[in-house]
Amino acid sequence: MRRLIPTFFLITTFLVTTAALFGQAQDFSKVEIKTTKLTPNFYQLEGQGGAIGVLTGPEGVFVVDSEFAPLTEKIVAAIRQVSNAPIRFLINTHVHGDHTGGDENFGKMGVTILAREELRKRLMNPAPGANGAPTPPSAPIGLPVITYSSPITIHMDGEDIQAIPVPAAHTDGDTMIRFPNNNVIMIGDFFRSVGFPNIDRANGGSLKGMVAGIDAAIQLCDANTKVVPGHGPIVDRNGLAAHRDMIIAVRDKVSALIAQGKTADETVAAHPTADYDAKSPTGPMTSERFVRQLYAELKK
């Protein structure tokens, strides 16, 4: 059975990547959008894919991420339940399709899209799928029209929205979006509160950047900050710190196994994530994938 693990792993990764990029393998007809009010004018929307943030106010609506394209109509309907103001801006935390899939639809609505320059380039020239098949580029109407490489601030609805680039973490185009007056941080997928991390090396992610990004987020938190991960329940500063400590602990175990001359398969078999498996149930972000990502980066 041990020899079958890499094959199964590749198949699983391919299926997850394909679904994330295109949404074609999923049935969205029964998906419902759940709305959670976090502050008087900030909401989290959850459907099928990454978390969405919605800031409302008299100057318009500011949206973080767009999930999959087939869900746009439902997402807009959910936004209209909390605000009738025009949707003015959409910002992306990173490139994956469960966060950017609806961008083209929002672009057609006249919404101004913002993102990292690296994210725009990857939408224009996507990395191949896990099986090597080419991925179609985004339509021009769905591309960010404003890009940045340093922190920027958008002033609207009584907020000073801070878009803070996080270099080479989950991908090379990550951004965390801080709403200081609401004390909320939308952190994207370089932190997930469910499953193990995903260092997407094919899209420029790195272990070092992921740890540095989480550290930077911790520094921006106080005891009451609500941290909205790309996937999973909302956490506080302590949740971020525990996640960072887990990454470092597993990293050190994988590093030790590499120093002993272990192969990738032998490192997986040693189960360096065992102490955390109960808190990180197996799912798309499996322990094996995380260990293999760590191995590939540390080995080099």
C-alpha atoms as a PDB file:
ATOM      1  CA  MET A   1       0.000   0.000   0.000  1.00  0.00           C
ATOM      2  CA  ARG A   2       2.844   2.380   0.755  1.00  0.00           C
ATOM      3  CA  ARG A   3       3.808   2.535  -2.917  1.00  0.00           C
ATOM      4  CA  LEU A   4       0.310   3.696  -3.835  1.00  0.00           C
ATOM      5  CA  ILE A   5       0.393   6.824  -1.685  1.00  0.00           C
ATOM      6  CA  PRO A   6       2.084   9.152  -4.206  1.00  0.00           C
ATOM      7  CA  THR A   7      -0.360   8.140  -6.958  1.00  0.00           C
ATOM      8  CA  PHE A   8      -3.375   8.686  -4.712  1.00  0.00           C
ATOM      9  CA  PHE A   9      -1.912  11.977  -3.563  1.00  0.00           C
ATOM     10  CA  LEU A  10      -1.488  13.232  -7.126  1.00  0.00           C
ATOM     11  CA  ILE A  11      -5.014  12.208  -8.069  1.00  0.00           C
ATOM     12  CA  THR A  12      -6.464  13.930  -4.998  1.00  0.00           C
ATOM     13  CA  THR A  13      -4.450  17.088  -5.669  1.00  0.00           C
ATOM     14  CA  PHE A  14      -5.590  17.137  -9.284  1.00  0.00           C
ATOM     15  CA  LEU A  15      -9.254  16.862  -8.346  1.00  0.00           C
ATOM     16  CA  VAL A  16      -9.018  19.569  -5.701  1.00  0.00           C
ATOM     17  CA  THR A  17      -7.053  21.908  -7.965  1.00  0.00           C
ATOM     18  CA  THR A  18      -9.441  21.420 -10.865  1.00  0.00           C
ATOM     19  CA  ALA A  19     -12.458  22.145  -8.683  1.00  0.00           C
ATOM     20  CA  ALA A  20     -10.799  25.195  -7.152  1.00  0.00           C
ATOM     21  CA  LEU A  21      -9.836  26.701 -10.498  1.00  0.00           C
ATOM     22  CA  PHE A  22     -12.976  26.058 -12.485  1.00  0.00           C
ATOM     23  CA  GLY A  23     -15.742  25.043 -10.116  1.00  0.00           C
ATOM     24  CA  GLN A  24     -16.888  22.629 -12.835  1.00  0.00           C
ATOM     25  CA  ALA A  25     -16.777  19.526 -10.661  1.00  0.00           C
ATOM     26  CA  GLN A  26     -19.195  20.981  -8.136  1.00  0.00           C
ATOM     27  CA  ASP A  27     -22.966  21.336  -8.044  1.00  0.00           C
ATOM     28  CA  PHE A  28     -23.772  24.863  -6.904  1.00  0.00           C
ATOM     29  CA  SER A  29     -27.542  24.618  -7.286  1.00  0.00           C
ATOM     30  CA  LYS A  30     -28.151  23.802  -3.634  1.00  0.00           C
ATOM     31  CA  VAL A  31     -25.477  26.081  -2.165  1.00  0.00           C
ATOM     32  CA  GLU A  32     -26.869  28.659   0.229  1.00  0.00           C
ATOM     33  CA  ILE A  33     -25.018  31.789   1.288  1.00  0.00           C
ATOM     34  CA  LYS A  34     -24.722  32.155   5.050  1.00  0.00           C
ATOM     35  CA  THR A  35     -24.408  35.724   6.345  1.00  0.00           C
ATOM     36  CA  THR A  36     -22.801  36.466   9.704  1.00  0.00           C
ATOM     37  CA  LYS A  37     -22.813  39.987  11.142  1.00  0.00           C
ATOM     38  CA  LEU A  38     -19.447  40.613  12.806  1.00  0.00           C
ATOM     39  CA  THR A  39     -19.852  44.344  13.551  1.00  0.00           C
ATOM     40  CA  PRO A  40     -22.552  46.948  12.844  1.00  0.00           C
ATOM     41  CA  ASN A  41     -21.367  47.351   9.233  1.00  0.00           C
ATOM     42  CA  PHE A  42     -19.165  44.330   8.494  1.00  0.00           C
ATOM     43  CA  TYR A  43     -20.375  40.884   7.434  1.00  0.00           C
ATOM     44  CA  GLN A  44     -18.905  37.523   6.542  1.00  0.00           C
ATOM     45  CA  LEU A  45     -20.509  35.508   3.739  1.00  0.00           C
ATOM     46  CA  GLU A  46     -19.953  31.763   3.397  1.00  0.00           C
ATOM     47  CA  GLY A  47     -21.044  29.675   0.449  1.00  0.00           C
ATOM     48  CA  GLN A  48     -18.859  27.180  -1.405  1.00  0.00           C
ATOM     49  CA  GLY A  49     -15.251  28.317  -1.399  1.00  0.00           C
ATOM     50  CA  GLY A  50     -13.334  30.967   0.461  1.00  0.00           C
ATOM     51  CA  ALA A  51     -14.813  33.355   2.991  1.00  0.00           C
ATOM     52  CA  ILE A  52     -16.157  36.679   1.689  1.00  0.00           C
ATOM     53  CA  GLY A  53     -15.986  39.954   3.599  1.00  0.00           C
ATOM     54  CA  VAL A  54     -18.518  42.759   3.106  1.00  0.00           C
ATOM     55  CA  LEU A  55     -18.130  46.307   4.439  1.00  0.00           C
ATOM     56  CA  THR A  56     -21.276  48.413   4.123  1.00  0.00           C
ATOM     57  CA  GLY A  57     -22.018  52.095   4.469  1.00  0.00           C
ATOM     58  CA  PRO A  58     -23.383  55.192   2.736  1.00  0.00           C
ATOM     59  CA  GLU A  59     -20.401  55.420   0.366  1.00  0.00           C
ATOM     60  CA  GLY A  60     -20.957  51.952  -1.047  1.00  0.00           C
ATOM     61  CA  VAL A  61     -20.046  48.316  -0.490  1.00  0.00           C
ATOM     62  CA  PHE A  62     -16.493  46.963  -0.311  1.00  0.00           C
ATOM     63  CA  VAL A  63     -16.122  43.217  -0.922  1.00  0.00           C
ATOM     64  CA  VAL A  64     -13.262  40.832  -0.177  1.00  0.00           C
ATOM     65  CA  ASP A  65     -13.085  37.845  -2.584  1.00  0.00           C
ATOM     66  CA  SER A  66     -15.810  36.482  -4.852  1.00  0.00           C
ATOM     67  CA  GLU A  67     -15.938  32.651  -4.554  1.00  0.00           C
ATOM     68  CA  PHE A  68     -16.986  30.689  -7.673  1.00  0.00           C
ATOM     69  CA  ALA A  69     -18.627  32.308 -10.699  1.00  0.00           C
ATOM     70  CA  PRO A  70     -21.888  30.277 -10.526  1.00  0.00           C
ATOM     71  CA  LEU A  71     -22.531  31.723  -7.062  1.00  0.00           C
ATOM     72  CA  THR A  72     -22.330  35.425  -7.967  1.00  0.00           C
ATOM     73  CA  GLU A  73     -26.089  35.913  -8.220  1.00  0.00           C
ATOM     74  CA  LYS A  74     -26.601  34.353  -4.777  1.00  0.00           C
ATOM     75  CA  ILE A  75     -23.720  36.363  -3.310  1.00  0.00           C
ATOM     76  CA  VAL A  76     -25.088  39.643  -4.661  1.00  0.00           C
ATOM     77  CA  ALA A  77     -28.537  38.743  -3.312  1.00  0.00           C
ATOM     78  CA  ALA A  78     -26.987  38.161   0.131  1.00  0.00           C
ATOM     79  CA  ILE A  79     -25.224  41.529  -0.058  1.00  0.00           C
ATOM     80  CA  ARG A  80     -28.521  43.192  -0.969  1.00  0.00           C
ATOM     81  CA  GLN A  81     -30.019  41.812   2.246  1.00  0.00           C
ATOM     82  CA  VAL A  82     -27.610  43.988   4.249  1.00  0.00           C
ATOM     83  CA  SER A  83     -27.105  46.969   1.912  1.00  0.00           C
ATOM     84  CA  ASN A  84     -28.733  48.571  -1.116  1.00  0.00           C
ATOM     85  CA  ALA A  85     -25.689  50.746  -1.759  1.00  0.00           C
ATOM     86  CA  PRO A  86     -23.697  50.127  -4.961  1.00  0.00           C
ATOM     87  CA  ILE A  87     -20.911  47.532  -4.819  1.00  0.00           C
ATOM     88  CA  ARG A  88     -17.900  49.727  -5.570  1.00  0.00           C
ATOM     89  CA  PHE A  89     -14.777  47.691  -4.886  1.00  0.00           C
ATOM     90  CA  LEU A  90     -13.698  44.052  -4.836  1.00  0.00           C
ATOM     91  CA  ILE A  91     -10.279  42.986  -3.563  1.00  0.00           C
ATOM     92  CA  ASN A  92      -8.757  39.508  -3.803  1.00  0.00           C
ATOM     93  CA  THR A  93      -6.722  37.838  -1.064  1.00  0.00           C
ATOM     94  CA  HIS A  94      -5.046  35.478  -3.582  1.00  0.00           C
ATOM     95  CA  VAL A  95      -5.398  33.909  -7.009  1.00  0.00           C
ATOM     96  CA  HIS A  96      -7.249  30.621  -6.448  1.00  0.00           C
ATOM     97  CA  GLY A  97     -10.573  30.166  -8.210  1.00  0.00           C
ATOM     98  CA  ASP A  98     -12.624  29.700  -5.044  1.00  0.00           C
ATOM     99  CA  HIS A  99     -11.665  33.314  -4.206  1.00  0.00           C
ATOM    100  CA  THR A 100     -11.482  34.928  -7.670  1.00  0.00           C
ATOM    101  CA  GLY A 101     -13.937  32.858  -9.714  1.00  0.00           C
ATOM    102  CA  GLY A 102     -16.677  35.491  -9.583  1.00  0.00           C
ATOM    103  CA  ASP A 103     -14.428  38.437 -10.476  1.00  0.00           C
ATOM    104  CA  GLU A 104     -15.512  38.507 -14.112  1.00  0.00           C
ATOM    105  CA  ASN A 105     -19.165  38.771 -13.070  1.00  0.00           C
ATOM    106  CA  PHE A 106     -18.413  41.605 -10.665  1.00  0.00           C
ATOM    107  CA  GLY A 107     -16.307  43.327 -13.328  1.00  0.00           C
ATOM    108  CA  LYS A 108     -19.290  43.235 -15.687  1.00  0.00           C
ATOM    109  CA  MET A 109     -21.315  44.940 -12.945  1.00  0.00           C
ATOM    110  CA  GLY A 110     -18.863  47.853 -12.997  1.00  0.00           C
ATOM    111  CA  VAL A 111     -17.126  46.933  -9.748  1.00  0.00           C
ATOM    112  CA  THR A 112     -13.497  48.096  -9.491  1.00  0.00           C
ATOM    113  CA  ILE A 113     -11.210  45.118  -8.789  1.00  0.00           C
ATOM    114  CA  LEU A 114      -7.979  45.461  -6.789  1.00  0.00           C
ATOM    115  CA  ALA A 115      -5.224  42.928  -6.157  1.00  0.00           C
ATOM    116  CA  ARG A 116      -1.495  42.372  -6.053  1.00  0.00           C
ATOM    117  CA  GLU A 117       0.379  42.770  -9.337  1.00  0.00           C
ATOM    118  CA  GLU A 118       1.536  39.153  -8.981  1.00  0.00           C
ATOM    119  CA  LEU A 119      -2.067  37.991  -8.757  1.00  0.00           C
ATOM    120  CA  ARG A 120      -3.022  39.846 -11.934  1.00  0.00           C
ATOM    121  CA  LYS A 121      -0.112  38.259 -13.795  1.00  0.00           C
ATOM    122  CA  ARG A 122      -1.144  34.776 -12.656  1.00  0.00           C
ATOM    123  CA  LEU A 123      -4.732  35.354 -13.753  1.00  0.00           C
ATOM    124  CA  MET A 124      -3.398  36.378 -17.154  1.00  0.00           C
ATOM    125  CA  ASN A 125      -0.919  33.488 -17.320  1.00  0.00           C
ATOM    126  CA  PRO A 126      -2.188  30.749 -14.992  1.00  0.00           C
ATOM    127  CA  ALA A 127      -0.008  27.900 -13.810  1.00  0.00           C
ATOM    128  CA  PRO A 128      -0.857  24.561 -15.462  1.00  0.00           C
ATOM    129  CA  GLY A 129      -3.184  22.184 -13.679  1.00  0.00           C
ATOM    130  CA  ALA A 130      -1.845  19.351 -11.549  1.00  0.00           C
ATOM    131  CA  ASN A 131      -1.906  17.080 -14.604  1.00  0.00           C
ATOM    132  CA  GLY A 132       0.033  19.593 -16.682  1.00  0.00           C
ATOM    133  CA  ALA A 133      -2.996  20.681 -18.689  1.00  0.00           C
ATOM    134  CA  PRO A 134      -3.090  24.408 -19.538  1.00  0.00           C
ATOM    135  CA  THR A 135      -5.435  26.623 -17.553  1.00  0.00           C
ATOM    136  CA  PRO A 136      -7.365  29.281 -19.505  1.00  0.00           C
ATOM    137  CA  PRO A 137      -6.559  32.893 -18.593  1.00  0.00           C
ATOM    138  CA  SER A 138      -9.126  35.177 -17.024  1.00  0.00           C
ATOM    139  CA  ALA A 139     -11.214  37.410 -19.242  1.00  0.00           C
ATOM    140  CA  PRO A 140      -9.938  41.029 -19.267  1.00  0.00           C
ATOM    141  CA  ILE A 141     -13.120  42.291 -17.589  1.00  0.00           C
ATOM    142  CA  GLY A 142     -12.301  40.086 -14.582  1.00  0.00           C
ATOM    143  CA  LEU A 143      -8.741  41.313 -14.107  1.00  0.00           C
ATOM    144  CA  PRO A 144      -7.724  43.757 -11.367  1.00  0.00           C
ATOM    145  CA  VAL A 145      -7.632  47.319 -12.680  1.00  0.00           C
ATOM    146  CA  ILE A 146      -5.700  48.626  -9.683  1.00  0.00           C
ATOM    147  CA  THR A 147      -2.614  46.735  -8.510  1.00  0.00           C
ATOM    148  CA  TYR A 148      -0.093  47.387  -5.784  1.00  0.00           C
ATOM    149  CA  SER A 149       3.148  46.023  -4.372  1.00  0.00           C
ATOM    150  CA  SER A 150       3.182  48.018  -1.126  1.00  0.00           C
ATOM    151  CA  PRO A 151       0.447  48.563   1.467  1.00  0.00           C
ATOM    152  CA  ILE A 152      -2.420  50.770   0.333  1.00  0.00           C
ATOM    153  CA  THR A 153      -5.373  52.303   2.173  1.00  0.00           C
ATOM    154  CA  ILE A 154      -8.918  52.761   0.886  1.00  0.00           C
ATOM    155  CA  HIS A 155     -10.991  55.309   2.813  1.00  0.00           C
ATOM    156  CA  MET A 156     -14.734  54.641   2.751  1.00  0.00           C
ATOM    157  CA  ASP A 157     -17.695  54.016   5.011  1.00  0.00           C
ATOM    158  CA  GLY A 158     -15.838  55.326   8.051  1.00  0.00           C
ATOM    159  CA  GLU A 159     -13.025  52.806   7.555  1.00  0.00           C
ATOM    160  CA  ASP A 160      -9.375  53.040   6.640  1.00  0.00           C
ATOM    161  CA  ILE A 161      -9.182  49.716   4.799  1.00  0.00           C
ATOM    162  CA  GLN A 162      -5.600  48.497   4.756  1.00  0.00           C
ATOM    163  CA  ALA A 163      -4.517  46.117   1.974  1.00  0.00           C
ATOM    164  CA  ILE A 164      -1.236  44.632   3.181  1.00  0.00           C
ATOM    165  CA  PRO A 165       0.829  42.518   0.751  1.00  0.00           C
ATOM    166  CA  VAL A 166       2.156  39.261   2.183  1.00  0.00           C
ATOM    167  CA  PRO A 167       5.072  38.119   0.009  1.00  0.00           C
ATOM    168  CA  ALA A 168       5.288  34.470  -1.062  1.00  0.00           C
ATOM    169  CA  ALA A 169       3.100  32.839   1.600  1.00  0.00           C
ATOM    170  CA  HIS A 170       0.178  30.685   0.393  1.00  0.00           C
ATOM    171  CA  THR A 171       0.944  32.088  -3.079  1.00  0.00           C
ATOM    172  CA  ASP A 172       3.137  34.935  -4.308  1.00  0.00           C
ATOM    173  CA  GLY A 173       0.144  37.275  -4.600  1.00  0.00           C
ATOM    174  CA  ASP A 174      -1.351  37.163  -1.103  1.00  0.00           C
ATOM    175  CA  THR A 175      -2.915  40.148   0.631  1.00  0.00           C
ATOM    176  CA  MET A 176      -4.424  40.442   4.084  1.00  0.00           C
ATOM    177  CA  ILE A 177      -7.084  43.119   4.415  1.00  0.00           C
ATOM    178  CA  ARG A 178      -7.401  44.889   7.728  1.00  0.00           C
ATOM    179  CA  PHE A 179     -10.433  46.873   8.825  1.00  0.00           C
ATOM    180  CA  PRO A 180      -8.994  48.642  11.907  1.00  0.00           C
ATOM    181  CA  ASN A 181     -12.139  50.456  13.031  1.00  0.00           C
ATOM    182  CA  ASN A 182     -14.119  47.202  12.871  1.00  0.00           C
ATOM    183  CA  ASN A 183     -11.148  45.276  14.313  1.00  0.00           C
ATOM    184  CA  VAL A 184     -11.427  42.606  11.613  1.00  0.00           C
ATOM    185  CA  ILE A 185      -8.718  41.014   9.468  1.00  0.00           C
ATOM    186  CA  MET A 186      -9.516  39.035   6.309  1.00  0.00           C
ATOM    187  CA  ILE A 187      -6.444  36.859   5.988  1.00  0.00           C
ATOM    188  CA  GLY A 188      -7.090  34.636   2.986  1.00  0.00           C
ATOM    189  CA  ASP A 189      -5.583  31.183   2.688  1.00  0.00           C
ATOM    190  CA  PHE A 190      -2.142  31.714   4.166  1.00  0.00           C
ATOM    191  CA  PHE A 191      -4.020  30.921   7.357  1.00  0.00           C
ATOM    192  CA  ARG A 192      -6.788  28.324   7.532  1.00  0.00           C
ATOM    193  CA  SER A 193      -8.406  27.375  10.820  1.00  0.00           C
ATOM    194  CA  VAL A 194      -9.363  23.937   9.498  1.00  0.00           C
ATOM    195  CA  GLY A 195      -7.036  21.319   8.047  1.00  0.00           C
ATOM    196  CA  PHE A 196      -3.317  21.692   7.478  1.00  0.00           C
ATOM    197  CA  PRO A 197      -1.729  24.611   5.586  1.00  0.00           C
ATOM    198  CA  ASN A 198      -1.335  24.593   1.833  1.00  0.00           C
ATOM    199  CA  ILE A 199       1.925  26.078   0.572  1.00  0.00           C
ATOM    200  CA  ASP A 200       1.114  26.411  -3.125  1.00  0.00           C
ATOM    201  CA  ARG A 201       4.655  26.297  -4.465  1.00  0.00           C
ATOM    202  CA  ALA A 202       3.420  26.131  -8.069  1.00  0.00           C
ATOM    203  CA  ASN A 203       1.923  29.602  -7.555  1.00  0.00           C
ATOM    204  CA  GLY A 204       4.913  31.031  -5.704  1.00  0.00           C
ATOM    205  CA  GLY A 205       4.058  30.112  -2.115  1.00  0.00           C
ATOM    206  CA  SER A 206       6.727  29.476   0.507  1.00  0.00           C
ATOM    207  CA  LEU A 207       7.063  28.201   4.050  1.00  0.00           C
ATOM    208  CA  LYS A 208       9.118  31.189   5.162  1.00  0.00           C
ATOM    209  CA  GLY A 209       6.574  33.632   3.761  1.00  0.00           C
ATOM    210  CA  MET A 210       3.657  31.823   5.367  1.00  0.00           C
ATOM    211  CA  VAL A 211       5.224  31.959   8.827  1.00  0.00           C
ATOM    212  CA  ALA A 212       6.226  35.602   8.325  1.00  0.00           C
ATOM    213  CA  GLY A 213       2.712  36.491   7.177  1.00  0.00           C
ATOM    214  CA  ILE A 214       1.092  34.893  10.215  1.00  0.00           C
ATOM    215  CA  ASP A 215       3.585  36.670  12.465  1.00  0.00           C
ATOM    216  CA  ALA A 216       2.705  39.983  10.804  1.00  0.00           C
ATOM    217  CA  ALA A 217      -1.007  39.328  11.329  1.00  0.00           C
ATOM    218  CA  ILE A 218      -0.430  38.510  15.001  1.00  0.00           C
ATOM    219  CA  GLN A 219       1.296  41.873  15.444  1.00  0.00           C
ATOM    220  CA  LEU A 220      -1.805  43.633  14.092  1.00  0.00           C
ATOM    221  CA  CYS A 221      -4.174  41.899  16.519  1.00  0.00           C
ATOM    222  CA  ASP A 222      -5.336  42.866  19.954  1.00  0.00           C
ATOM    223  CA  ALA A 223      -7.292  40.620  22.304  1.00  0.00           C
ATOM    224  CA  ASN A 224     -10.584  41.377  20.514  1.00  0.00           C
ATOM    225  CA  THR A 225      -9.566  41.181  16.873  1.00  0.00           C
ATOM    226  CA  LYS A 226     -11.670  38.884  14.696  1.00  0.00           C
ATOM    227  CA  VAL A 227      -9.464  37.018  12.223  1.00  0.00           C
ATOM    228  CA  VAL A 228     -11.465  35.648   9.283  1.00  0.00           C
ATOM    229  CA  PRO A 229      -9.486  32.851   7.602  1.00  0.00           C
ATOM    230  CA  GLY A 230      -9.898  31.809   4.001  1.00  0.00           C
ATOM    231  CA  HIS A 231     -11.534  28.624   5.274  1.00  0.00           C
ATOM    232  CA  GLY A 232     -12.740  27.608   8.713  1.00  0.00           C
ATOM    233  CA  PRO A 233     -14.094  29.293  11.850  1.00  0.00           C
ATOM    234  CA  ILE A 234     -13.136  32.813  12.878  1.00  0.00           C
ATOM    235  CA  VAL A 235     -10.289  32.930  15.395  1.00  0.00           C
ATOM    236  CA  ASP A 236      -8.464  35.456  17.553  1.00  0.00           C
ATOM    237  CA  ARG A 237      -4.783  36.252  18.069  1.00  0.00           C
ATOM    238  CA  ASN A 238      -4.278  33.087  20.114  1.00  0.00           C
ATOM    239  CA  GLY A 239      -5.632  30.979  17.264  1.00  0.00           C
ATOM    240  CA  LEU A 240      -3.106  32.521  14.889  1.00  0.00           C
ATOM    241  CA  ALA A 241      -0.258  31.910  17.318  1.00  0.00           C
ATOM    242  CA  ALA A 242      -1.239  28.261  17.826  1.00  0.00           C
ATOM    243  CA  HIS A 243      -1.337  27.715  14.069  1.00  0.00           C
ATOM    244  CA  ARG A 244       2.081  29.293  13.598  1.00  0.00           C
ATOM    245  CA  ASP A 245       3.522  27.159  16.377  1.00  0.00           C
ATOM    246  CA  MET A 246       2.104  24.038  14.727  1.00  0.00           C
ATOM    247  CA  ILE A 247       3.742  24.909  11.408  1.00  0.00           C
ATOM    248  CA  ILE A 248       7.094  25.464  13.103  1.00  0.00           C
ATOM    249  CA  ALA A 249       6.862  22.221  15.103  1.00  0.00           C
ATOM    250  CA  VAL A 250       6.058  20.127  12.025  1.00  0.00           C
ATOM    251  CA  ARG A 251       8.711  21.961  10.027  1.00  0.00           C
ATOM    252  CA  ASP A 252      11.356  21.088  12.614  1.00  0.00           C
ATOM    253  CA  LYS A 253      10.347  17.420  12.568  1.00  0.00           C
ATOM    254  CA  VAL A 254      10.492  17.266   8.777  1.00  0.00           C
ATOM    255  CA  SER A 255      13.838  19.051   8.798  1.00  0.00           C
ATOM    256  CA  ALA A 256      15.231  16.488  11.248  1.00  0.00           C
ATOM    257  CA  LEU A 257      14.026  13.622   9.064  1.00  0.00           C
ATOM    258  CA  ILE A 258      15.674  15.187   6.028  1.00  0.00           C
ATOM    259  CA  ALA A 259      18.903  15.493   8.000  1.00  0.00           C
ATOM    260  CA  GLN A 260      18.667  11.761   8.668  1.00  0.00           C
ATOM    261  CA  GLY A 261      18.553  11.135   4.924  1.00  0.00           C
ATOM    262  CA  LYS A 262      14.884  10.154   4.784  1.00  0.00           C
ATOM    263  CA  THR A 263      13.093  10.207   1.440  1.00  0.00           C
ATOM    264  CA  ALA A 264       9.806  12.042   0.944  1.00  0.00           C
ATOM    265  CA  ASP A 265       7.844   8.794   1.275  1.00  0.00           C
ATOM    266  CA  GLU A 266       9.733   7.843   4.431  1.00  0.00           C
ATOM    267  CA  THR A 267       9.092  11.288   5.883  1.00  0.00           C
ATOM    268  CA  VAL A 268       5.367  10.947   5.222  1.00  0.00           C
ATOM    269  CA  ALA A 269       5.413   7.462   6.789  1.00  0.00           C
ATOM    270  CA  ALA A 270       7.035   8.908   9.934  1.00  0.00           C
ATOM    271  CA  HIS A 271       3.827  10.960  10.403  1.00  0.00           C
ATOM    272  CA  PRO A 272       5.368  14.217  11.681  1.00  0.00           C
ATOM    273  CA  THR A 273       1.902  15.787  12.014  1.00  0.00           C
ATOM    274  CA  ALA A 274       0.623  13.146  14.465  1.00  0.00           C
ATOM    275  CA  ASP A 275       0.414  15.546  17.414  1.00  0.00           C
ATOM    276  CA  TYR A 276      -1.978  17.783  15.455  1.00  0.00           C
ATOM    277  CA  ASP A 277      -4.106  15.373  13.458  1.00  0.00           C
ATOM    278  CA  ALA A 278      -7.014  15.497  15.914  1.00  0.00           C
ATOM    279  CA  LYS A 279      -7.236  19.296  15.558  1.00  0.00           C
ATOM    280  CA  SER A 280      -6.738  19.250  11.787  1.00  0.00           C
ATOM    281  CA  PRO A 281      -9.112  16.647  10.340  1.00  0.00           C
ATOM    282  CA  THR A 282      -8.224  15.194   6.989  1.00  0.00           C
ATOM    283  CA  GLY A 283      -9.673  17.133   4.070  1.00  0.00           C
ATOM    284  CA  PRO A 284      -8.381  18.904   0.959  1.00  0.00           C
ATOM    285  CA  MET A 285      -5.496  20.198   3.059  1.00  0.00           C
ATOM    286  CA  THR A 286      -4.301  16.768   4.110  1.00  0.00           C
ATOM    287  CA  SER A 287      -1.363  16.135   6.395  1.00  0.00           C
ATOM    288  CA  GLU A 288       0.408  14.240   3.617  1.00  0.00           C
ATOM    289  CA  ARG A 289       0.258  17.144   1.211  1.00  0.00           C
ATOM    290  CA  PHE A 290       1.532  19.539   3.872  1.00  0.00           C
ATOM    291  CA  VAL A 291       4.412  17.227   4.749  1.00  0.00           C
ATOM    292  CA  ARG A 292       5.368  16.799   1.097  1.00  0.00           C
ATOM    293  CA  GLN A 293       5.294  20.555   0.579  1.00  0.00           C
ATOM    294  CA  LEU A 294       7.545  21.059   3.596  1.00  0.00           C
ATOM    295  CA  TYR A 295       9.872  18.316   2.398  1.00  0.00           C
ATOM    296  CA  ALA A 296      10.183  19.809  -1.090  1.00  0.00           C
ATOM    297  CA  GLU A 297      11.027  23.265   0.262  1.00  0.00           C
ATOM    298  CA  LEU A 298      13.352  22.187   3.057  1.00  0.00           C
ATOM    299  CA  LYS A 299      15.153  19.613   0.921  1.00  0.00           C
ATOM    300  CA  LYS A 300      16.317  22.251  -1.548  1.00  0.00           C
END
